[in-house]
């Protein structure tokens, strides 16, 4: 690319901003805005998982929310629309971060602060408490997913996790996915054993719009190990939803987890 190709010689408009990252968008903006994000298809600005979390936890009005991995700001937008007082949203992928800033400017997200960097480093030193930690689409990208759950438990008594999980019975039958995973392994963390598989991103690393983790590999915990870790670190009221063993990218589910006096485990079906 020649430097002159970076100039935009059109009337200033929001579409010009989005077109800077044309071909890299994962999210689709709501139709009411009349804007196009290519090839964006995921309805993350109208995500039922956010609405469900509010149903489980109560109104987000005046809440201080910590968001891990905002991707393109869709959930951040929803938190502001639901009356959040402050959203701290941390993104490690520099191109995703810049897309978040585009959305912040276009949609005037004055309650959202996007930070560029590693949320694990942030959590290790953070002393503030949040009304909720929202961690959608990040656990399965981690090198140390158990530590992430532990760190979340230090800063909030409520969290939403949406994540893929490892299930050998399911993934071994999925030829398009099975080659990405190792055999199940066991890790011991602070006296507790958990099961996981090493996942490799392979060809996905070649796309400029890649939205995975910062390393070529990550650990996918089993479903049971995710629940075990949440309970071990004090989240004893768990509600499961969006359980999709046939998700195109591998089995996935969402958990609203909170700390309370009496432990429960509930499954909803959506």
Protein backbone atom coordinates (compact mmCIF):
# COMPACT_ATOMS: atom_id res chain seq x y z
CA UNK A 1 0.00 0.00 0.00
CA UNK A 2 1.22 3.50 -0.86
CA UNK A 3 0.73 6.10 1.86
CA UNK A 4 -1.64 8.12 -0.34
CA UNK A 5 -4.01 5.13 -0.33
CA UNK A 6 -4.66 5.86 3.36
CA UNK A 7 -6.40 9.15 2.54
CA UNK A 8 -10.22 9.23 2.49
CA UNK A 9 -11.43 11.74 -0.09
CA UNK A 10 -15.16 11.48 0.58
CA UNK A 11 -17.57 13.53 2.63
CA UNK A 12 -16.88 12.74 6.33
CA UNK A 13 -19.30 10.15 7.68
CA UNK A 14 -19.50 7.21 10.08
CA UNK A 15 -19.36 4.67 7.26
CA UNK A 16 -15.91 5.94 6.30
CA UNK A 17 -14.72 5.12 9.81
CA UNK A 18 -16.05 1.56 9.67
CA UNK A 19 -14.58 1.04 6.21
CA UNK A 20 -11.06 1.53 7.60
CA UNK A 21 -11.42 -2.06 8.83
CA UNK A 22 -13.51 -3.38 5.95
CA UNK A 23 -13.16 -7.15 5.70
CA UNK A 24 -12.17 -7.52 9.38
CA UNK A 25 -15.46 -7.02 11.24
CA UNK A 26 -17.08 -9.88 13.15
CA UNK A 27 -20.06 -7.90 14.48
CA UNK A 28 -23.11 -6.59 12.69
CA UNK A 29 -24.46 -3.22 13.74
CA UNK A 30 -28.22 -2.95 14.38
CA UNK A 31 -30.19 -2.05 11.27
CA UNK A 32 -31.40 1.21 12.88
CA UNK A 33 -27.97 2.75 12.31
CA UNK A 34 -27.90 2.13 8.57
CA UNK A 35 -24.20 1.25 8.72
CA UNK A 36 -22.35 -1.73 7.28
CA UNK A 37 -19.51 -3.68 8.87
CA UNK A 38 -17.99 -6.14 6.41
CA UNK A 39 -18.20 -9.11 6.65
CA UNK A 40 -19.81 -8.76 10.11
CA UNK A 41 -22.59 -11.26 10.84
CA UNK A 42 -22.61 -11.74 14.65
CA UNK A 43 -25.42 -9.81 16.36
CA UNK A 44 -23.25 -8.75 19.30
CA UNK A 45 -24.92 -5.33 19.57
CA UNK A 46 -28.25 -7.10 20.15
CA UNK A 47 -26.99 -10.08 22.13
CA UNK A 48 -29.48 -12.15 24.11
CA UNK A 49 -26.71 -13.17 26.50
CA UNK A 50 -26.50 -9.61 27.82
CA UNK A 51 -30.28 -9.42 28.26
CA UNK A 52 -30.24 -12.79 30.03
CA UNK A 53 -27.49 -11.71 32.43
CA UNK A 54 -29.61 -8.71 33.39
CA UNK A 55 -32.60 -10.97 34.00
CA UNK A 56 -30.53 -13.18 36.31
CA UNK A 57 -28.52 -10.53 38.15
CA UNK A 58 -30.95 -7.59 38.08
CA UNK A 59 -30.82 -4.18 36.41
CA UNK A 60 -27.43 -2.88 35.28
CA UNK A 61 -28.52 0.66 36.12
CA UNK A 62 -25.71 2.53 37.93
CA UNK A 63 -23.48 -0.56 37.87
CA UNK A 64 -19.70 -0.50 37.43
CA UNK A 65 -18.91 -3.33 35.00
CA UNK A 66 -15.57 -4.86 34.06
CA UNK A 67 -15.66 -6.30 30.54
CA UNK A 68 -12.95 -8.68 29.38
CA UNK A 69 -12.34 -8.86 25.64
CA UNK A 70 -14.91 -6.45 24.13
CA UNK A 71 -13.91 -7.43 20.56
CA UNK A 72 -15.74 -4.61 18.74
CA UNK A 73 -17.74 -2.93 21.50
CA UNK A 74 -21.13 -4.55 20.95
CA UNK A 75 -21.68 -5.62 24.55
CA UNK A 76 -20.18 -2.34 25.79
CA UNK A 77 -22.86 -0.51 23.80
CA UNK A 78 -25.57 -2.67 25.37
CA UNK A 79 -24.28 -2.00 28.92
CA UNK A 80 -24.43 1.76 28.36
CA UNK A 81 -27.93 1.49 26.90
CA UNK A 82 -29.00 -0.36 30.05
CA UNK A 83 -27.86 2.44 32.32
CA UNK A 84 -24.43 1.28 33.49
CA UNK A 85 -22.54 3.95 35.40
CA UNK A 86 -19.11 2.92 34.14
CA UNK A 87 -17.76 0.16 31.90
CA UNK A 88 -14.06 -0.64 31.96
CA UNK A 89 -13.42 -2.75 28.88
CA UNK A 90 -10.01 -4.33 28.25
CA UNK A 91 -8.88 -5.58 24.85
CA UNK A 92 -5.44 -7.05 24.02
CA UNK A 93 -5.82 -7.24 20.22
CA UNK A 94 -4.70 -3.83 18.95
CA UNK A 95 -6.83 -3.96 15.81
CA UNK A 96 -9.92 -4.98 17.78
CA UNK A 97 -9.14 -2.16 20.21
CA UNK A 98 -9.08 0.36 17.36
CA UNK A 99 -12.42 -0.98 16.12
CA UNK A 100 -13.78 -0.44 19.64
CA UNK A 101 -12.63 3.19 19.46
CA UNK A 102 -14.42 3.56 16.12
CA UNK A 103 -17.63 2.31 17.74
CA UNK A 104 -17.11 4.51 20.80
CA UNK A 105 -16.88 7.60 18.57
CA UNK A 106 -19.77 6.68 16.27
CA UNK A 107 -22.19 5.60 19.03
CA UNK A 108 -21.01 8.16 21.63
CA UNK A 109 -20.20 5.63 24.35
CA UNK A 110 -19.30 8.13 27.06
CA UNK A 111 -19.79 5.60 29.88
CA UNK A 112 -17.25 3.18 28.39
CA UNK A 113 -13.48 3.31 28.81
CA UNK A 114 -11.61 1.01 26.45
CA UNK A 115 -8.13 -0.04 27.59
CA UNK A 116 -5.50 -1.68 25.39
CA UNK A 117 -3.56 -4.43 27.10
CA UNK A 118 -3.63 -7.74 28.96
CA UNK A 119 -6.61 -8.11 31.28
CA UNK A 120 -4.77 -10.80 33.24
CA UNK A 121 -2.09 -8.27 34.22
CA UNK A 122 -4.84 -5.79 35.08
CA UNK A 123 -6.69 -8.31 37.26
CA UNK A 124 -3.54 -9.38 39.11
CA UNK A 125 -3.04 -5.84 40.41
CA UNK A 126 -6.64 -4.61 40.57
CA UNK A 127 -8.05 -3.85 44.02
CA UNK A 128 -11.38 -2.25 43.03
CA UNK A 129 -14.65 -4.19 43.16
CA UNK A 130 -17.12 -4.40 40.27
CA UNK A 131 -20.82 -5.15 40.20
CA UNK A 132 -20.16 -7.70 37.47
CA UNK A 133 -17.32 -9.11 35.38
CA UNK A 134 -18.56 -9.89 31.87
CA UNK A 135 -16.31 -12.46 30.20
CA UNK A 136 -17.95 -13.59 26.99
CA UNK A 137 -15.74 -15.43 24.52
CA UNK A 138 -12.47 -15.28 26.44
CA UNK A 139 -12.03 -18.30 28.76
CA UNK A 140 -11.23 -20.74 25.95
CA UNK A 141 -8.58 -18.38 24.57
CA UNK A 142 -6.55 -18.48 27.78
CA UNK A 143 -3.25 -20.20 28.56
CA UNK A 144 -4.37 -20.42 32.18
CA UNK A 145 -8.18 -20.41 32.35
CA UNK A 146 -8.26 -21.48 36.01
CA UNK A 147 -6.24 -18.45 37.04
CA UNK A 148 -8.67 -16.24 35.14
CA UNK A 149 -11.62 -17.62 37.12
CA UNK A 150 -9.67 -17.11 40.35
CA UNK A 151 -8.84 -13.49 39.44
CA UNK A 152 -12.44 -12.74 38.49
CA UNK A 153 -13.52 -14.01 41.91
CA UNK A 154 -11.25 -11.42 43.57
CA UNK A 155 -12.93 -8.40 41.98
CA UNK A 156 -16.63 -9.33 41.81
CA UNK A 157 -19.28 -11.61 43.28
CA UNK A 158 -21.05 -11.86 39.89
CA UNK A 159 -19.78 -12.94 36.50
CA UNK A 160 -21.12 -14.06 33.16
CA UNK A 161 -19.00 -16.55 31.26
CA UNK A 162 -19.83 -17.61 27.73
CA UNK A 163 -17.28 -20.12 26.55
CA UNK A 164 -16.51 -23.14 24.46
CA UNK A 165 -15.54 -26.27 26.36
CA UNK A 166 -13.77 -29.52 25.50
CA UNK A 167 -15.87 -32.65 25.05
CA UNK A 168 -14.00 -35.49 23.40
CA UNK A 169 -17.17 -37.43 22.53
CA UNK A 170 -18.46 -34.44 20.57
CA UNK A 171 -15.28 -33.04 19.05
CA UNK A 172 -13.83 -36.39 17.97
CA UNK A 173 -16.78 -36.69 15.56
CA UNK A 174 -16.23 -33.22 14.09
CA UNK A 175 -13.58 -33.70 11.40
CA UNK A 176 -13.34 -29.98 10.74
CA UNK A 177 -12.43 -29.35 14.41
CA UNK A 178 -10.91 -32.53 15.88
CA UNK A 179 -7.43 -31.94 14.37
CA UNK A 180 -7.08 -28.77 16.46
CA UNK A 181 -7.15 -30.56 19.84
CA UNK A 182 -4.84 -32.71 21.93
CA UNK A 183 -6.00 -35.65 24.01
CA UNK A 184 -7.53 -34.69 27.33
CA UNK A 185 -5.00 -33.79 30.03
CA UNK A 186 -5.10 -33.05 33.75
CA UNK A 187 -3.78 -29.94 35.49
CA UNK A 188 -3.47 -29.46 39.24
CA UNK A 189 -4.05 -25.89 40.42
CA UNK A 190 -4.03 -24.93 44.09
CA UNK A 191 -4.76 -28.47 45.15
CA UNK A 192 -7.62 -29.14 42.73
CA UNK A 193 -7.45 -31.18 39.51
CA UNK A 194 -9.04 -30.05 36.26
CA UNK A 195 -9.28 -31.56 32.79
CA UNK A 196 -8.49 -29.73 29.56
CA UNK A 197 -7.30 -30.06 25.98
CA UNK A 198 -4.72 -27.94 24.18
CA UNK A 199 -6.33 -26.17 21.22
CA UNK A 200 -4.36 -24.83 18.24
CA UNK A 201 -5.69 -21.93 16.11
CA UNK A 202 -3.86 -23.13 12.98
CA UNK A 203 -5.05 -21.35 9.78
CA UNK A 204 -7.26 -18.89 11.71
CA UNK A 205 -4.10 -16.96 12.59
CA UNK A 206 -3.82 -15.83 8.97
CA UNK A 207 -6.96 -13.61 9.04
CA UNK A 208 -6.46 -9.92 9.88
CA UNK A 209 -9.77 -10.03 11.74
CA UNK A 210 -8.58 -12.89 14.01
CA UNK A 211 -10.31 -12.68 17.38
CA UNK A 212 -8.62 -15.41 19.39
CA UNK A 213 -5.95 -15.34 22.08
CA UNK A 214 -2.41 -13.91 21.96
CA UNK A 215 -0.66 -17.29 21.62
CA UNK A 216 -0.85 -20.00 18.92
CA UNK A 217 -2.51 -22.34 21.42
CA UNK A 218 -4.94 -22.17 24.33
CA UNK A 219 -6.51 -24.51 26.87
CA UNK A 220 -10.12 -25.61 26.59
CA UNK A 221 -11.42 -26.84 29.93
CA UNK A 222 -14.07 -29.53 30.08
CA UNK A 223 -17.56 -28.44 31.05
CA UNK A 224 -17.27 -30.11 34.45
CA UNK A 225 -13.93 -28.45 35.15
CA UNK A 226 -15.34 -24.99 34.43
CA UNK A 227 -18.17 -25.58 36.90
CA UNK A 228 -15.73 -27.03 39.45
CA UNK A 229 -13.44 -23.99 39.22
CA UNK A 230 -16.29 -21.50 39.63
CA UNK A 231 -17.55 -23.34 42.69
CA UNK A 232 -14.06 -23.68 44.15
CA UNK A 233 -13.57 -19.90 43.98
CA UNK A 234 -16.84 -19.10 45.69
CA UNK A 235 -19.39 -18.87 42.87
CA UNK A 236 -21.89 -21.25 44.39
CA UNK A 237 -25.05 -20.02 42.60
CA UNK A 238 -24.77 -21.05 38.95
CA UNK A 239 -27.35 -20.73 36.20
CA UNK A 240 -26.57 -22.30 32.81
CA UNK A 241 -28.08 -21.18 29.52
CA UNK A 242 -27.32 -21.06 25.77
CA UNK A 243 -26.06 -24.63 26.02
CA UNK A 244 -25.13 -25.59 22.47
CA UNK A 245 -23.12 -28.82 22.08
CA UNK A 246 -23.44 -28.47 18.30
CA UNK A 247 -22.10 -24.92 18.00
CA UNK A 248 -20.20 -24.50 14.72
CA UNK A 249 -16.96 -23.75 16.55
CA UNK A 250 -17.33 -26.42 19.24
CA UNK A 251 -19.61 -27.08 22.22
CA UNK A 252 -20.42 -23.93 24.17
CA UNK A 253 -22.52 -22.66 27.06
CA UNK A 254 -23.10 -19.58 29.21
CA UNK A 255 -23.04 -19.41 32.98
CA UNK A 256 -24.29 -16.64 35.22
CA UNK A 257 -22.35 -17.23 38.43
CA UNK A 258 -22.61 -15.41 41.74
CA UNK A 259 -21.59 -15.82 45.33
CA UNK A 260 -24.39 -16.31 47.80
CA UNK A 261 -25.21 -18.14 51.02
CA UNK A 262 -26.85 -21.19 49.44
CA UNK A 263 -25.41 -22.94 46.42
CA UNK A 264 -27.57 -23.92 43.45
CA UNK A 265 -27.00 -25.14 39.91
CA UNK A 266 -29.75 -24.47 37.39
CA UNK A 267 -30.07 -25.15 33.69
CA UNK A 268 -32.21 -23.07 31.37
CA UNK A 269 -32.83 -23.88 27.73
CA UNK A 270 -32.50 -21.28 24.99
